PDB file of N, CA and C in Angstrom:
ATOM      1  N   UNK A   1      -9.785  82.904  82.831  1.00  0.00           N
ATOM      2  CA  UNK A   1     -10.245  82.701  84.434  1.00  0.00           C
ATOM      3  C   UNK A   1      -8.860  82.245  84.812  1.00  0.00           C
ATOM      4  N   UNK A   2      -7.979  82.328  86.185  1.00  0.00           N
ATOM      5  CA  UNK A   2      -7.307  81.259  87.062  1.00  0.00           C
ATOM      6  C   UNK A   2      -6.568  80.903  86.982  1.00  0.00           C
ATOM      7  N   UNK A   3      -5.963  79.723  86.681  1.00  0.00           N
ATOM      8  CA  UNK A   3      -5.540  78.502  86.508  1.00  0.00           C
ATOM      9  C   UNK A   3      -6.328  77.383  85.178  1.00  0.00           C
ATOM     10  N   UNK A   4      -5.877  78.688  84.668  1.00  0.00           N
ATOM     11  CA  UNK A   4      -6.074  78.285  83.332  1.00  0.00           C
ATOM     12  C   UNK A   4      -7.971  78.083  82.487  1.00  0.00           C
ATOM     13  N   UNK A   5      -7.871  77.730  81.585  1.00  0.00           N
ATOM     14  CA  UNK A   5      -8.811  77.586  81.221  1.00  0.00           C
ATOM     15  C   UNK A   5     -10.207  76.121  81.898  1.00  0.00           C
ATOM     16  N   UNK A   6     -11.408  76.911  82.478  1.00  0.00           N
ATOM     17  CA  UNK A   6     -12.325  76.273  82.268  1.00  0.00           C
ATOM     18  C   UNK A   6     -13.447  75.327  81.924  1.00  0.00           C
ATOM     19  N   UNK A   7     -13.266  74.270  82.134  1.00  0.00           N
ATOM     20  CA  UNK A   7     -14.109  73.377  80.856  1.00  0.00           C
ATOM     21  C   UNK A   7     -16.073  73.849  81.396  1.00  0.00           C
ATOM     22  N   UNK A   8     -16.715  73.494  80.735  1.00  0.00           N
ATOM     23  CA  UNK A   8     -17.890  73.109  80.878  1.00  0.00           C
ATOM     24  C   UNK A   8     -18.694  72.154  80.341  1.00  0.00           C
ATOM     25  N   UNK A   9     -19.441  71.291  81.258  1.00  0.00           N
ATOM     26  CA  UNK A   9     -19.372  70.255  80.797  1.00  0.00           C
ATOM     27  C   UNK A   9     -20.927  70.611  80.239  1.00  0.00           C
ATOM     28  N   UNK A  10     -21.852  68.866  80.269  1.00  0.00           N
ATOM     29  CA  UNK A  10     -22.917  69.327  79.175  1.00  0.00           C
ATOM     30  C   UNK A  10     -25.059  70.091  80.053  1.00  0.00           C
ATOM     31  N   UNK A  11     -24.048  70.496  81.116  1.00  0.00           N
ATOM     32  CA  UNK A  11     -24.802  70.465  81.938  1.00  0.00           C
ATOM     33  C   UNK A  11     -24.994  72.253  82.512  1.00  0.00           C
ATOM     34  N   UNK A  12     -23.548  72.380  81.425  1.00  0.00           N
ATOM     35  CA  UNK A  12     -23.726  74.663  81.845  1.00  0.00           C
ATOM     36  C   UNK A  12     -23.408  74.354  82.467  1.00  0.00           C
ATOM     37  N   UNK A  13     -22.089  73.017  83.474  1.00  0.00           N
ATOM     38  CA  UNK A  13     -21.764  73.913  84.775  1.00  0.00           C
ATOM     39  C   UNK A  13     -20.426  74.403  85.501  1.00  0.00           C
ATOM     40  N   UNK A  14     -19.501  74.588  85.346  1.00  0.00           N
ATOM     41  CA  UNK A  14     -17.592  74.668  85.455  1.00  0.00           C
ATOM     42  C   UNK A  14     -17.001  73.544  86.283  1.00  0.00           C
ATOM     43  N   UNK A  15     -17.034  72.487  85.529  1.00  0.00           N
ATOM     44  CA  UNK A  15     -15.781  71.963  85.409  1.00  0.00           C
ATOM     45  C   UNK A  15     -14.291  72.092  85.435  1.00  0.00           C
ATOM     46  N   UNK A  16     -13.440  71.794  87.088  1.00  0.00           N
ATOM     47  CA  UNK A  16     -12.429  71.814  86.871  1.00  0.00           C
ATOM     48  C   UNK A  16     -11.436  71.397  86.046  1.00  0.00           C
ATOM     49  N   UNK A  17     -10.556  72.443  85.631  1.00  0.00           N
ATOM     50  CA  UNK A  17      -9.567  71.457  84.405  1.00  0.00           C
ATOM     51  C   UNK A  17      -8.713  71.159  84.420  1.00  0.00           C
ATOM     52  N   UNK A  18      -7.377  70.063  84.281  1.00  0.00           N
ATOM     53  CA  UNK A  18      -7.139  69.216  85.068  1.00  0.00           C
ATOM     54  C   UNK A  18      -5.936  70.118  85.727  1.00  0.00           C
ATOM     55  N   UNK A  19      -5.205  71.491  84.738  1.00  0.00           N
ATOM     56  CA  UNK A  19      -4.914  72.498  85.379  1.00  0.00           C
ATOM     57  C   UNK A  19      -5.483  72.967  87.021  1.00  0.00           C
ATOM     58  N   UNK A  20      -6.403  73.020  86.943  1.00  0.00           N
ATOM     59  CA  UNK A  20      -7.359  73.858  88.509  1.00  0.00           C
ATOM     60  C   UNK A  20      -6.736  72.030  88.864  1.00  0.00           C
ATOM     61  N   UNK A  21      -7.352  71.650  89.374  1.00  0.00           N
ATOM     62  CA  UNK A  21      -7.163  70.590  90.063  1.00  0.00           C
ATOM     63  C   UNK A  21      -5.923  70.332  90.461  1.00  0.00           C
ATOM     64  N   UNK A  22      -4.678  70.052  89.467  1.00  0.00           N
ATOM     65  CA  UNK A  22      -3.648  70.451  90.170  1.00  0.00           C
ATOM     66  C   UNK A  22      -3.222  71.864  90.841  1.00  0.00           C
ATOM     67  N   UNK A  23      -4.077  72.163  90.609  1.00  0.00           N
ATOM     68  CA  UNK A  23      -3.346  72.954  91.930  1.00  0.00           C
ATOM     69  C   UNK A  23      -4.454  73.494  92.959  1.00  0.00           C
ATOM     70  N   UNK A  24      -5.738  72.769  93.585  1.00  0.00           N
ATOM     71  CA  UNK A  24      -6.661  71.953  94.227  1.00  0.00           C
ATOM     72  C   UNK A  24      -5.581  71.552  94.857  1.00  0.00           C
ATOM     73  N   UNK A  25      -4.976  70.238  94.049  1.00  0.00           N
ATOM     74  CA  UNK A  25      -4.042  69.567  95.428  1.00  0.00           C
ATOM     75  C   UNK A  25      -2.356  70.530  95.891  1.00  0.00           C
ATOM     76  N   UNK A  26      -2.413  70.904  95.320  1.00  0.00           N
ATOM     77  CA  UNK A  26      -1.776  71.522  95.820  1.00  0.00           C
ATOM     78  C   UNK A  26      -1.806  72.025  97.080  1.00  0.00           C
ATOM     79  N   UNK A  27      -2.900  73.477  96.301  1.00  0.00           N
ATOM     80  CA  UNK A  27      -3.419  74.464  98.162  1.00  0.00           C
ATOM     81  C   UNK A  27      -3.501  73.252  99.172  1.00  0.00           C
ATOM     82  N   UNK A  28      -4.690  72.780  98.578  1.00  0.00           N
ATOM     83  CA  UNK A  28      -4.991  70.890 100.453  1.00  0.00           C
ATOM     84  C   UNK A  28      -3.712  70.868 100.683  1.00  0.00           C
ATOM     85  N   UNK A  29      -2.524  70.239  99.903  1.00  0.00           N
ATOM     86  CA  UNK A  29      -1.810  69.940 100.914  1.00  0.00           C
ATOM     87  C   UNK A  29      -0.989  70.642 101.451  1.00  0.00           C
ATOM     88  N   UNK A  30      -0.326  71.376 101.262  1.00  0.00           N
ATOM     89  CA  UNK A  30      -0.653  73.551 102.336  1.00  0.00           C
ATOM     90  C   UNK A  30      -1.278  73.428 103.400  1.00  0.00           C
ATOM     91  N   UNK A  31      -1.814  73.958 102.751  1.00  0.00           N
ATOM     92  CA  UNK A  31      -2.916  74.561 103.838  1.00  0.00           C
ATOM     93  C   UNK A  31      -4.232  73.233 104.716  1.00  0.00           C
ATOM     94  N   UNK A  32      -4.705  72.075 103.790  1.00  0.00           N
ATOM     95  CA  UNK A  32      -5.351  71.396 104.297  1.00  0.00           C
ATOM     96  C   UNK A  32      -5.548  70.535 106.165  1.00  0.00           C
ATOM     97  N   UNK A  33      -5.285  71.091 106.725  1.00  0.00           N
ATOM     98  CA  UNK A  33      -4.722  70.037 108.357  1.00  0.00           C
ATOM     99  C   UNK A  33      -5.472  69.872 108.513  1.00  0.00           C
ATOM    100  N   UNK A  34      -6.507  70.114 108.943  1.00  0.00           N
ATOM    101  CA  UNK A  34      -6.912  68.696 109.512  1.00  0.00           C
ATOM    102  C   UNK A  34      -8.379  68.210 108.723  1.00  0.00           C
ATOM    103  N   UNK A  35      -7.819  67.476 108.274  1.00  0.00           N
ATOM    104  CA  UNK A  35      -8.585  66.556 107.616  1.00  0.00           C
ATOM    105  C   UNK A  35      -9.715  65.668 108.340  1.00  0.00           C
ATOM    106  N   UNK A  36      -9.797  65.286 109.111  1.00  0.00           N
ATOM    107  CA  UNK A  36     -10.886  64.628 109.871  1.00  0.00           C
ATOM    108  C   UNK A  36     -12.093  65.047 109.224  1.00  0.00           C
ATOM    109  N   UNK A  37     -12.606  64.206 109.583  1.00  0.00           N
ATOM    110  CA  UNK A  37     -14.202  64.965 108.946  1.00  0.00           C
ATOM    111  C   UNK A  37     -15.343  65.610 110.418  1.00  0.00           C
ATOM    112  N   UNK A  38     -15.992  66.850 110.731  1.00  0.00           N
ATOM    113  CA  UNK A  38     -16.383  66.411 111.745  1.00  0.00           C
ATOM    114  C   UNK A  38     -17.833  65.464 112.604  1.00  0.00           C
ATOM    115  N   UNK A  39     -17.786  64.936 111.398  1.00  0.00           N
ATOM    116  CA  UNK A  39     -19.211  64.054 111.547  1.00  0.00           C
ATOM    117  C   UNK A  39     -18.901  62.754 112.425  1.00  0.00           C
ATOM    118  N   UNK A  40     -17.677  61.661 111.174  1.00  0.00           N
ATOM    119  CA  UNK A  40     -17.950  60.855 111.881  1.00  0.00           C
ATOM    120  C   UNK A  40     -16.168  60.125 112.354  1.00  0.00           C
ATOM    121  N   UNK A  41     -15.347  61.180 112.267  1.00  0.00           N
ATOM    122  CA  UNK A  41     -13.521  61.146 111.831  1.00  0.00           C
ATOM    123  C   UNK A  41     -13.095  60.808 111.098  1.00  0.00           C
ATOM    124  N   UNK A  42     -13.654  60.017 110.599  1.00  0.00           N
ATOM    125  CA  UNK A  42     -12.452  59.107 109.045  1.00  0.00           C
ATOM    126  C   UNK A  42     -12.462  60.466 108.012  1.00  0.00           C
ATOM    127  N   UNK A  43     -11.297  60.285 107.151  1.00  0.00           N
ATOM    128  CA  UNK A  43     -11.044  60.928 106.648  1.00  0.00           C
ATOM    129  C   UNK A  43     -10.191  61.048 105.762  1.00  0.00           C
ATOM    130  N   UNK A  44     -11.004  60.359 104.426  1.00  0.00           N
ATOM    131  CA  UNK A  44     -11.394  59.663 103.151  1.00  0.00           C
ATOM    132  C   UNK A  44     -12.294  61.439 102.921  1.00  0.00           C
ATOM    133  N   UNK A  45     -11.862  61.849 101.527  1.00  0.00           N
ATOM    134  CA  UNK A  45     -12.819  62.662 101.119  1.00  0.00           C
ATOM    135  C   UNK A  45     -12.595  61.886  99.670  1.00  0.00           C
ATOM    136  N   UNK A  46     -13.118  62.622  99.045  1.00  0.00           N
ATOM    137  CA  UNK A  46     -13.734  63.180  97.729  1.00  0.00           C
ATOM    138  C   UNK A  46     -13.555  64.540  96.692  1.00  0.00           C
ATOM    139  N   UNK A  47     -13.214  64.522  95.692  1.00  0.00           N
ATOM    140  CA  UNK A  47     -13.319  66.380  95.666  1.00  0.00           C
ATOM    141  C   UNK A  47     -14.775  66.334  94.345  1.00  0.00           C
ATOM    142  N   UNK A  48     -15.642  66.911  94.052  1.00  0.00           N
ATOM    143  CA  UNK A  48     -16.400  66.971  93.478  1.00  0.00           C
ATOM    144  C   UNK A  48     -15.927  68.331  92.154  1.00  0.00           C
ATOM    145  N   UNK A  49     -16.193  67.641  91.190  1.00  0.00           N
ATOM    146  CA  UNK A  49     -15.519  68.394  89.846  1.00  0.00           C
ATOM    147  C   UNK A  49     -15.705  69.226  89.651  1.00  0.00           C
ATOM    148  N   UNK A  50     -16.864  69.239  90.095  1.00  0.00           N
ATOM    149  CA  UNK A  50     -17.320  71.091  89.373  1.00  0.00           C
ATOM    150  C   UNK A  50     -17.238  72.181  90.890  1.00  0.00           C
ATOM    151  N   UNK A  51     -17.563  73.127  89.870  1.00  0.00           N
ATOM    152  CA  UNK A  51     -16.835  74.291  90.903  1.00  0.00           C
ATOM    153  C   UNK A  51     -19.023  74.528  91.169  1.00  0.00           C
ATOM    154  N   UNK A  52     -19.229  74.535  91.910  1.00  0.00           N
ATOM    155  CA  UNK A  52     -20.774  74.870  92.958  1.00  0.00           C
ATOM    156  C   UNK A  52     -20.712  76.767  92.892  1.00  0.00           C
ATOM    157  N   UNK A  53     -21.806  77.321  93.183  1.00  0.00           N
ATOM    158  CA  UNK A  53     -22.182  78.843  93.715  1.00  0.00           C
ATOM    159  C   UNK A  53     -23.037  78.593  95.194  1.00  0.00           C
ATOM    160  N   UNK A  54     -22.695  79.025  96.153  1.00  0.00           N
ATOM    161  CA  UNK A  54     -23.049  79.819  97.064  1.00  0.00           C
ATOM    162  C   UNK A  54     -23.996  81.379  97.104  1.00  0.00           C
ATOM    163  N   UNK A  55     -25.406  81.114  96.790  1.00  0.00           N
ATOM    164  CA  UNK A  55     -26.183  82.440  96.508  1.00  0.00           C
ATOM    165  C   UNK A  55     -25.960  83.255  98.005  1.00  0.00           C
ATOM    166  N   UNK A  56     -25.648  85.088  98.538  1.00  0.00           N
ATOM    167  CA  UNK A  56     -26.416  85.175  99.833  1.00  0.00           C
ATOM    168  C   UNK A  56     -27.417  84.683  99.673  1.00  0.00           C
ATOM    169  N   UNK A  57     -28.435  85.369 101.099  1.00  0.00           N
ATOM    170  CA  UNK A  57     -29.460  84.654 102.105  1.00  0.00           C
ATOM    171  C   UNK A  57     -30.736  85.619 101.283  1.00  0.00           C
ATOM    172  N   UNK A  58     -31.689  85.379 100.886  1.00  0.00           N
ATOM    173  CA  UNK A  58     -32.312  86.908 100.711  1.00  0.00           C
ATOM    174  C   UNK A  58     -33.727  85.678 100.715  1.00  0.00           C
ATOM    175  N   UNK A  59     -34.224  85.531 101.462  1.00  0.00           N
ATOM    176  CA  UNK A  59     -35.434  85.566 102.946  1.00  0.00           C
ATOM    177  C   UNK A  59     -36.465  84.346 101.818  1.00  0.00           C
ATOM    178  N   UNK A  60     -35.682  83.304 100.943  1.00  0.00           N
ATOM    179  CA  UNK A  60     -36.589  82.473 100.241  1.00  0.00           C
ATOM    180  C   UNK A  60     -36.449  82.564  98.474  1.00  0.00           C
ATOM    181  N   UNK A  61     -36.277  84.112  99.108  1.00  0.00           N
ATOM    182  CA  UNK A  61     -36.721  84.784  97.600  1.00  0.00           C
ATOM    183  C   UNK A  61     -35.700  84.419  96.018  1.00  0.00           C
ATOM    184  N   UNK A  62     -36.646  84.253  94.763  1.00  0.00           N
ATOM    185  CA  UNK A  62     -34.787  84.588  93.937  1.00  0.00           C
ATOM    186  C   UNK A  62     -34.467  84.759  93.658  1.00  0.00           C
ATOM    187  N   UNK A  63     -33.862  85.781  92.588  1.00  0.00           N
ATOM    188  CA  UNK A  63     -33.113  86.855  92.590  1.00  0.00           C
ATOM    189  C   UNK A  63     -33.351  86.949  91.172  1.00  0.00           C
ATOM    190  N   UNK A  64     -33.921  87.137  90.212  1.00  0.00           N
ATOM    191  CA  UNK A  64     -33.941  86.912  88.707  1.00  0.00           C
ATOM    192  C   UNK A  64     -33.726  87.582  87.943  1.00  0.00           C
ATOM    193  N   UNK A  65     -33.092  89.572  88.272  1.00  0.00           N
ATOM    194  CA  UNK A  65     -32.792  90.821  87.677  1.00  0.00           C
ATOM    195  C   UNK A  65     -31.108  91.058  87.438  1.00  0.00           C
ATOM    196  N   UNK A  66     -30.409  89.664  87.513  1.00  0.00           N
ATOM    197  CA  UNK A  66     -28.961  89.403  87.652  1.00  0.00           C
ATOM    198  C   UNK A  66     -28.129  90.253  88.870  1.00  0.00           C
ATOM    199  N   UNK A  67     -29.199  91.201  89.825  1.00  0.00           N
ATOM    200  CA  UNK A  67     -27.410  91.505  91.061  1.00  0.00           C
ATOM    201  C   UNK A  67     -27.599  90.659  91.430  1.00  0.00           C
ATOM    202  N   UNK A  68     -27.002  90.472  92.982  1.00  0.00           N
ATOM    203  CA  UNK A  68     -26.601  89.471  94.446  1.00  0.00           C
ATOM    204  C   UNK A  68     -25.415  89.360  94.004  1.00  0.00           C
ATOM    205  N   UNK A  69     -25.531  88.638  94.763  1.00  0.00           N
ATOM    206  CA  UNK A  69     -23.747  88.553  95.245  1.00  0.00           C
ATOM    207  C   UNK A  69     -23.500  85.996  95.494  1.00  0.00           C
ATOM    208  N   UNK A  70     -22.807  86.021  94.222  1.00  0.00           N
ATOM    209  CA  UNK A  70     -22.294  84.116  94.297  1.00  0.00           C
ATOM    210  C   UNK A  70     -21.142  84.379  94.857  1.00  0.00           C
ATOM    211  N   UNK A  71     -20.657  83.228  95.251  1.00  0.00           N
ATOM    212  CA  UNK A  71     -18.975  82.921  95.554  1.00  0.00           C
ATOM    213  C   UNK A  71     -19.230  80.962  95.476  1.00  0.00           C
ATOM    214  N   UNK A  72     -18.252  81.823  94.432  1.00  0.00           N
ATOM    215  CA  UNK A  72     -17.670  79.957  93.469  1.00  0.00           C
ATOM    216  C   UNK A  72     -17.098  79.474  94.821  1.00  0.00           C
ATOM    217  N   UNK A  73     -17.579  78.031  94.966  1.00  0.00           N
ATOM    218  CA  UNK A  73     -17.402  76.745  96.196  1.00  0.00           C
ATOM    219  C   UNK A  73     -16.959  75.252  95.869  1.00  0.00           C
ATOM    220  N   UNK A  74     -15.710  75.573  96.299  1.00  0.00           N
ATOM    221  CA  UNK A  74     -15.169  73.585  95.477  1.00  0.00           C
ATOM    222  C   UNK A  74     -16.185  72.723  96.977  1.00  0.00           C
ATOM    223  N   UNK A  75     -16.148  71.849  96.697  1.00  0.00           N
ATOM    224  CA  UNK A  75     -17.559  70.509  97.321  1.00  0.00           C
ATOM    225  C   UNK A  75     -16.491  69.820  97.849  1.00  0.00           C
ATOM    226  N   UNK A  76     -16.156  69.073  98.976  1.00  0.00           N
ATOM    227  CA  UNK A  76     -15.743  67.453  98.969  1.00  0.00           C
ATOM    228  C   UNK A  76     -17.110  67.398  99.529  1.00  0.00           C
ATOM    229  N   UNK A  77     -16.576  66.013  99.715  1.00  0.00           N
ATOM    230  CA  UNK A  77     -17.411  64.776 100.485  1.00  0.00           C
ATOM    231  C   UNK A  77     -17.384  63.552 101.542  1.00  0.00           C
ATOM    232  N   UNK A  78     -17.572  63.636 102.454  1.00  0.00           N
ATOM    233  CA  UNK A  78     -16.651  62.218 102.812  1.00  0.00           C
ATOM    234  C   UNK A  78     -17.699  61.118 102.336  1.00  0.00           C
ATOM    235  N   UNK A  79     -16.049  60.535 102.286  1.00  0.00           N
ATOM    236  CA  UNK A  79     -16.638  58.651 101.869  1.00  0.00           C
ATOM    237  C   UNK A  79     -17.515  57.705 102.666  1.00  0.00           C
ATOM    238  N   UNK A  80     -17.128  58.077 103.591  1.00  0.00           N
ATOM    239  CA  UNK A  80     -17.507  57.410 105.585  1.00  0.00           C
ATOM    240  C   UNK A  80     -19.333  58.319 105.083  1.00  0.00           C
ATOM    241  N   UNK A  81     -19.128  59.478 105.569  1.00  0.00           N
ATOM    242  CA  UNK A  81     -21.114  59.130 105.963  1.00  0.00           C
ATOM    243  C   UNK A  81     -21.546  60.981 105.664  1.00  0.00           C
ATOM    244  N   UNK A  82     -20.775  61.579 103.842  1.00  0.00           N
ATOM    245  CA  UNK A  82     -21.260  61.853 103.516  1.00  0.00           C
ATOM    246  C   UNK A  82     -21.561  64.235 103.749  1.00  0.00           C
ATOM    247  N   UNK A  83     -20.886  63.589 104.787  1.00  0.00           N
ATOM    248  CA  UNK A  83     -20.819  65.316 104.955  1.00  0.00           C
ATOM    249  C   UNK A  83     -20.498  66.025 104.191  1.00  0.00           C
ATOM    250  N   UNK A  84     -20.653  67.190 103.700  1.00  0.00           N
ATOM    251  CA  UNK A  84     -20.596  67.967 102.607  1.00  0.00           C
ATOM    252  C   UNK A  84     -19.149  69.155 103.679  1.00  0.00           C
ATOM    253  N   UNK A  85     -18.576  70.200 103.073  1.00  0.00           N
ATOM    254  CA  UNK A  85     -17.583  70.275 103.042  1.00  0.00           C
ATOM    255  C   UNK A  85     -17.088  71.597 102.005  1.00  0.00           C
ATOM    256  N   UNK A  86     -16.683  72.582 102.184  1.00  0.00           N
ATOM    257  CA  UNK A  86     -16.470  73.886 100.552  1.00  0.00           C
ATOM    258  C   UNK A  86     -15.943  74.311 101.082  1.00  0.00           C
ATOM    259  N   UNK A  87     -14.986  75.042 100.384  1.00  0.00           N
ATOM    260  CA  UNK A  87     -14.068  75.812  99.825  1.00  0.00           C
ATOM    261  C   UNK A  87     -14.244  77.090  98.997  1.00  0.00           C
ATOM    262  N   UNK A  88     -13.481  78.261  99.309  1.00  0.00           N
ATOM    263  CA  UNK A  88     -13.925  79.362  98.605  1.00  0.00           C
ATOM    264  C   UNK A  88     -12.935  79.561  97.246  1.00  0.00           C
ATOM    265  N   UNK A  89     -13.642  78.249  96.156  1.00  0.00           N
ATOM    266  CA  UNK A  89     -13.438  78.117  94.850  1.00  0.00           C
ATOM    267  C   UNK A  89     -12.072  79.471  94.531  1.00  0.00           C
ATOM    268  N   UNK A  90     -11.874  80.998  94.931  1.00  0.00           N
ATOM    269  CA  UNK A  90     -11.448  81.835  94.208  1.00  0.00           C
ATOM    270  C   UNK A  90     -10.462  82.106  95.674  1.00  0.00           C
ATOM    271  N   UNK A  91     -10.118  81.734  96.678  1.00  0.00           N
ATOM    272  CA  UNK A  91      -9.711  81.757  98.022  1.00  0.00           C
ATOM    273  C   UNK A  91      -7.636  81.356  97.652  1.00  0.00           C
ATOM    274  N   UNK A  92      -8.395  79.905  96.818  1.00  0.00           N
ATOM    275  CA  UNK A  92      -8.023  78.735  96.061  1.00  0.00           C
ATOM    276  C   UNK A  92      -6.804  79.348  95.003  1.00  0.00           C
ATOM    277  N   UNK A  93      -7.862  79.861  94.165  1.00  0.00           N
ATOM    278  CA  UNK A  93      -6.894  80.393  92.864  1.00  0.00           C
ATOM    279  C   UNK A  93      -7.332  79.779  91.859  1.00  0.00           C
ATOM    280  N   UNK A  94      -8.262  78.879  92.411  1.00  0.00           N
ATOM    281  CA  UNK A  94      -9.078  77.894  90.957  1.00  0.00           C
ATOM    282  C   UNK A  94      -9.938  79.188  89.347  1.00  0.00           C
ATOM    283  N   UNK A  95     -10.881  80.509  90.219  1.00  0.00           N
ATOM    284  CA  UNK A  95     -11.668  80.974  89.283  1.00  0.00           C
ATOM    285  C   UNK A  95     -11.582  82.116  89.743  1.00  0.00           C
ATOM    286  N   UNK A  96     -11.497  83.896  89.100  1.00  0.00           N
ATOM    287  CA  UNK A  96     -11.733  85.004  89.700  1.00  0.00           C
ATOM    288  C   UNK A  96     -12.831  85.220  91.051  1.00  0.00           C
ATOM    289  N   UNK A  97     -12.496  86.375  90.938  1.00  0.00           N
ATOM    290  CA  UNK A  97     -14.244  86.786  91.392  1.00  0.00           C
ATOM    291  C   UNK A  97     -14.942  87.544  90.737  1.00  0.00           C
ATOM    292  N   UNK A  98     -16.120  87.206  90.814  1.00  0.00           N
ATOM    293  CA  UNK A  98     -16.727  88.060  89.985  1.00  0.00           C
ATOM    294  C   UNK A  98     -16.615  89.305  89.200  1.00  0.00           C
ATOM    295  N   UNK A  99     -16.930  90.446  90.815  1.00  0.00           N
ATOM    296  CA  UNK A  99     -16.844  91.402  91.407  1.00  0.00           C
ATOM    297  C   UNK A  99     -16.344  91.309  93.207  1.00  0.00           C
ATOM    298  N   UNK A 100     -16.439  92.304  93.177  1.00  0.00           N
ATOM    299  CA  UNK A 100     -15.023  92.699  94.335  1.00  0.00           C
ATOM    300  C   UNK A 100     -16.184  92.064  95.465  1.00  0.00           C
ATOM    301  N   UNK A 101     -15.614  91.660  96.126  1.00  0.00           N
ATOM    302  CA  UNK A 101     -16.703  91.299  97.865  1.00  0.00           C
ATOM    303  C   UNK A 101     -16.976  92.534  98.512  1.00  0.00           C
ATOM    304  N   UNK A 102     -18.120  93.430  98.145  1.00  0.00           N
ATOM    305  CA  UNK A 102     -17.819  94.188  99.489  1.00  0.00           C
ATOM    306  C   UNK A 102     -18.725  93.922 100.721  1.00  0.00           C
ATOM    307  N   UNK A 103     -19.719  92.857 100.339  1.00  0.00           N
ATOM    308  CA  UNK A 103     -20.468  92.266 102.095  1.00  0.00           C
ATOM    309  C   UNK A 103     -19.341  91.437 102.689  1.00  0.00           C
ATOM    310  N   UNK A 104     -17.984  91.096 102.726  1.00  0.00           N
ATOM    311  CA  UNK A 104     -17.404  90.878 103.790  1.00  0.00           C
ATOM    312  C   UNK A 104     -16.446  91.305 104.727  1.00  0.00           C
ATOM    313  N   UNK A 105     -16.591  91.443 105.585  1.00  0.00           N
ATOM    314  CA  UNK A 105     -15.994  92.868 106.305  1.00  0.00           C
ATOM    315  C   UNK A 105     -14.427  91.708 107.171  1.00  0.00           C
ATOM    316  N   UNK A 106     -13.569  92.098 106.939  1.00  0.00           N
ATOM    317  CA  UNK A 106     -11.949  91.667 107.740  1.00  0.00           C
ATOM    318  C   UNK A 106     -11.443  92.433 109.029  1.00  0.00           C
ATOM    319  N   UNK A 107     -11.264  91.088 109.163  1.00  0.00           N
ATOM    320  CA  UNK A 107     -10.483  91.629 110.831  1.00  0.00           C
ATOM    321  C   UNK A 107      -9.000  91.793 110.679  1.00  0.00           C
ATOM    322  N   UNK A 108      -8.978  93.528 111.135  1.00  0.00           N
ATOM    323  CA  UNK A 108      -7.400  93.761 111.073  1.00  0.00           C
ATOM    324  C   UNK A 108      -6.498  93.492 112.168  1.00  0.00           C
TER     325      UNK A 108
END
């Protein structure tokens, strides 16, 4: 995986390694300039140490066939109000895309 070995915790969730956490910190310092929470205005955030998956909308159905698109995301929580903010873990460079995302349209 990009960014070093990924650790798995006792729930089988993918947890950030020290190397990945360092990469997250560097990426955030360079690119995340608007740190104020859009709900309460505070700027203190905690980074969840697990990587989450956001799945594509299937109108409430659950896909058990193994086909479907999942986007790995890093989740931050506002320490004041609990607002959640997500960042694409592939764009940060801490995980590799499971396959090419053919659903995204790029503006040129």
